[in-house]
Protein backbone atom coordinates (compact mmCIF):
# COMPACT_ATOMS: atom_id res chain seq x y z
CA MET A 1 -42.26 -19.33 16.27
CA LYS A 2 -43.74 -22.31 18.73
CA ARG A 3 -42.40 -23.37 21.84
CA SER A 4 -42.06 -26.46 23.61
CA GLY A 5 -45.07 -25.67 25.84
CA ASN A 6 -47.35 -24.22 23.82
CA LYS A 7 -45.83 -20.61 24.07
CA SER A 8 -45.54 -18.37 21.52
CA VAL A 9 -43.07 -16.11 20.58
CA ASP A 10 -43.52 -13.26 18.96
CA ARG A 11 -41.19 -10.88 16.89
CA ARG A 12 -41.99 -7.89 18.73
CA GLY A 13 -41.27 -9.51 21.99
CA PHE A 14 -38.30 -11.49 20.99
CA LEU A 15 -36.63 -8.33 20.21
CA LYS A 16 -36.84 -6.49 22.86
CA GLY A 17 -35.13 -9.60 24.56
CA ALA A 18 -32.57 -9.08 22.42
CA ALA A 19 -32.21 -5.52 22.89
CA ALA A 20 -32.57 -5.70 26.40
CA GLY A 21 -29.97 -8.68 26.42
CA ALA A 22 -27.55 -6.67 24.53
CA ALA A 23 -27.69 -3.67 26.80
CA ALA A 24 -27.43 -5.49 29.64
CA ALA A 25 -23.89 -6.89 28.20
CA MET A 26 -22.82 -3.47 28.02
CA VAL A 27 -22.85 -2.40 31.19
CA PRO A 28 -19.48 -2.53 32.68
CA GLN A 29 -19.67 -4.90 35.29
CA THR A 30 -16.69 -3.09 38.29
CA PRO A 31 -15.59 -5.50 40.99
CA PRO A 32 -15.80 -3.02 45.10
CA ALA A 33 -12.10 -3.89 45.48
CA LYS A 34 -11.07 -2.38 42.06
CA ALA A 35 -13.52 0.47 42.56
CA GLN A 36 -12.09 1.60 45.86
CA GLN A 37 -8.49 1.43 44.30
CA THR A 38 -9.17 4.23 41.68
CA ALA A 39 -10.50 6.10 44.03
CA ASP A 40 -7.83 6.27 45.79
CA ARG A 41 -4.52 6.59 43.12
CA GLN A 42 -3.35 10.08 43.79
CA PRO A 43 -3.58 12.21 40.41
CA LEU A 44 -0.60 12.23 38.00
CA PRO A 45 2.22 15.09 38.33
CA LEU A 46 2.29 17.89 35.71
CA PRO A 47 4.52 17.51 33.29
CA SER A 48 8.62 19.65 34.00
CA SER A 49 9.18 22.70 31.52
CA ALA A 50 11.62 20.79 29.97
CA GLN A 51 9.49 18.32 28.95
CA ALA A 52 6.79 20.52 28.13
CA ALA A 53 9.18 22.34 25.85
CA ALA A 54 10.21 19.28 24.26
CA GLU A 55 6.40 17.88 23.37
CA THR A 56 6.06 21.22 21.85
CA VAL A 57 8.86 21.20 19.31
CA PRO A 58 7.66 20.99 15.77
CA PRO A 59 9.32 17.91 14.67
CA GLY A 60 12.09 17.81 12.07
CA PRO A 61 11.01 18.01 8.09
CA ARG A 62 10.16 14.98 5.85
CA VAL A 63 13.18 13.71 3.98
CA ASP A 64 11.36 10.85 1.13
CA VAL A 65 13.94 9.08 -0.86
CA TYR A 66 12.42 7.98 -3.84
CA THR A 67 15.67 6.13 -5.61
CA THR A 68 17.40 2.24 -4.29
CA ASP A 69 20.03 0.22 -5.54
CA ARG A 70 18.14 -2.33 -7.30
CA PRO A 71 14.30 -1.66 -7.05
CA GLY A 72 11.92 -4.26 -6.62
CA SER A 73 9.67 -2.16 -8.83
CA ASP A 74 12.26 -2.46 -11.77
CA PHE A 75 12.17 -6.81 -11.96
CA MET A 76 8.42 -6.19 -11.94
CA VAL A 77 8.75 -4.15 -15.41
CA ASP A 78 10.55 -6.91 -16.51
CA VAL A 79 8.32 -9.44 -15.84
CA ILE A 80 5.55 -7.42 -17.36
CA GLN A 81 7.60 -7.15 -20.28
CA SER A 82 8.01 -10.81 -20.82
CA LEU A 83 4.24 -11.46 -20.91
CA GLY A 84 3.67 -8.89 -23.81
CA PHE A 85 1.84 -6.63 -22.49
CA GLU A 86 1.57 -3.39 -24.56
CA TYR A 87 0.42 -0.53 -22.57
CA ALA A 88 -0.39 0.08 -18.94
CA ALA A 89 -3.08 1.95 -17.10
CA ALA A 90 -2.37 3.81 -13.86
CA ASN A 91 -3.47 6.86 -11.98
CA PRO A 92 -0.29 9.68 -11.65
CA GLY A 93 0.51 9.79 -7.91
CA SER A 94 -1.48 6.46 -6.28
CA SER A 95 0.48 4.54 -4.31
CA PHE A 96 2.33 2.00 -7.61
CA ARG A 97 4.86 5.55 -7.70
CA GLY A 98 7.88 2.94 -8.00
CA LEU A 99 6.12 1.13 -10.86
CA HIS A 100 5.65 4.37 -12.93
CA GLU A 101 9.15 5.20 -12.33
CA SER A 102 10.35 2.16 -13.33
CA LEU A 103 7.88 2.30 -16.25
CA ILE A 104 9.13 5.19 -17.33
CA ASN A 105 12.86 5.62 -16.58
CA HIS A 106 13.96 0.97 -16.67
CA GLY A 107 11.27 -0.15 -19.22
CA GLY A 108 11.84 3.05 -21.63
CA ASN A 109 7.74 3.83 -21.42
CA ARG A 110 7.68 1.55 -24.35
CA SER A 111 6.08 -2.50 -24.28
CA PRO A 112 4.60 -1.68 -21.84
CA GLU A 113 3.26 1.85 -22.93
CA LEU A 114 2.09 3.97 -19.33
CA ILE A 115 -0.95 5.43 -19.83
CA ASN A 116 -2.08 7.78 -17.64
């Protein structure tokens, strides 16, 4: 690669300069006033025993709701049936649990039939 003035830049020299520039850009620049403020900051107080106890209590049991009055997956089964699909391939336990359930319960597992 040629630059104006008949000075050439080889690939190795270019990469050295680019690496040095990138390293210099990663060095954090802290203004002197901000550095002084962080040095004067007091440490945070320790939590009280009530706060510590509240943070160490395990969470309550997780409740998953699998049913709903009008799931959107029932509508999607109706759409798939209207398109004339005969089979639907799925991986049980994946993120389409609602659609799997609707194919079996709402669609009767026919047209489309669920293939696992």
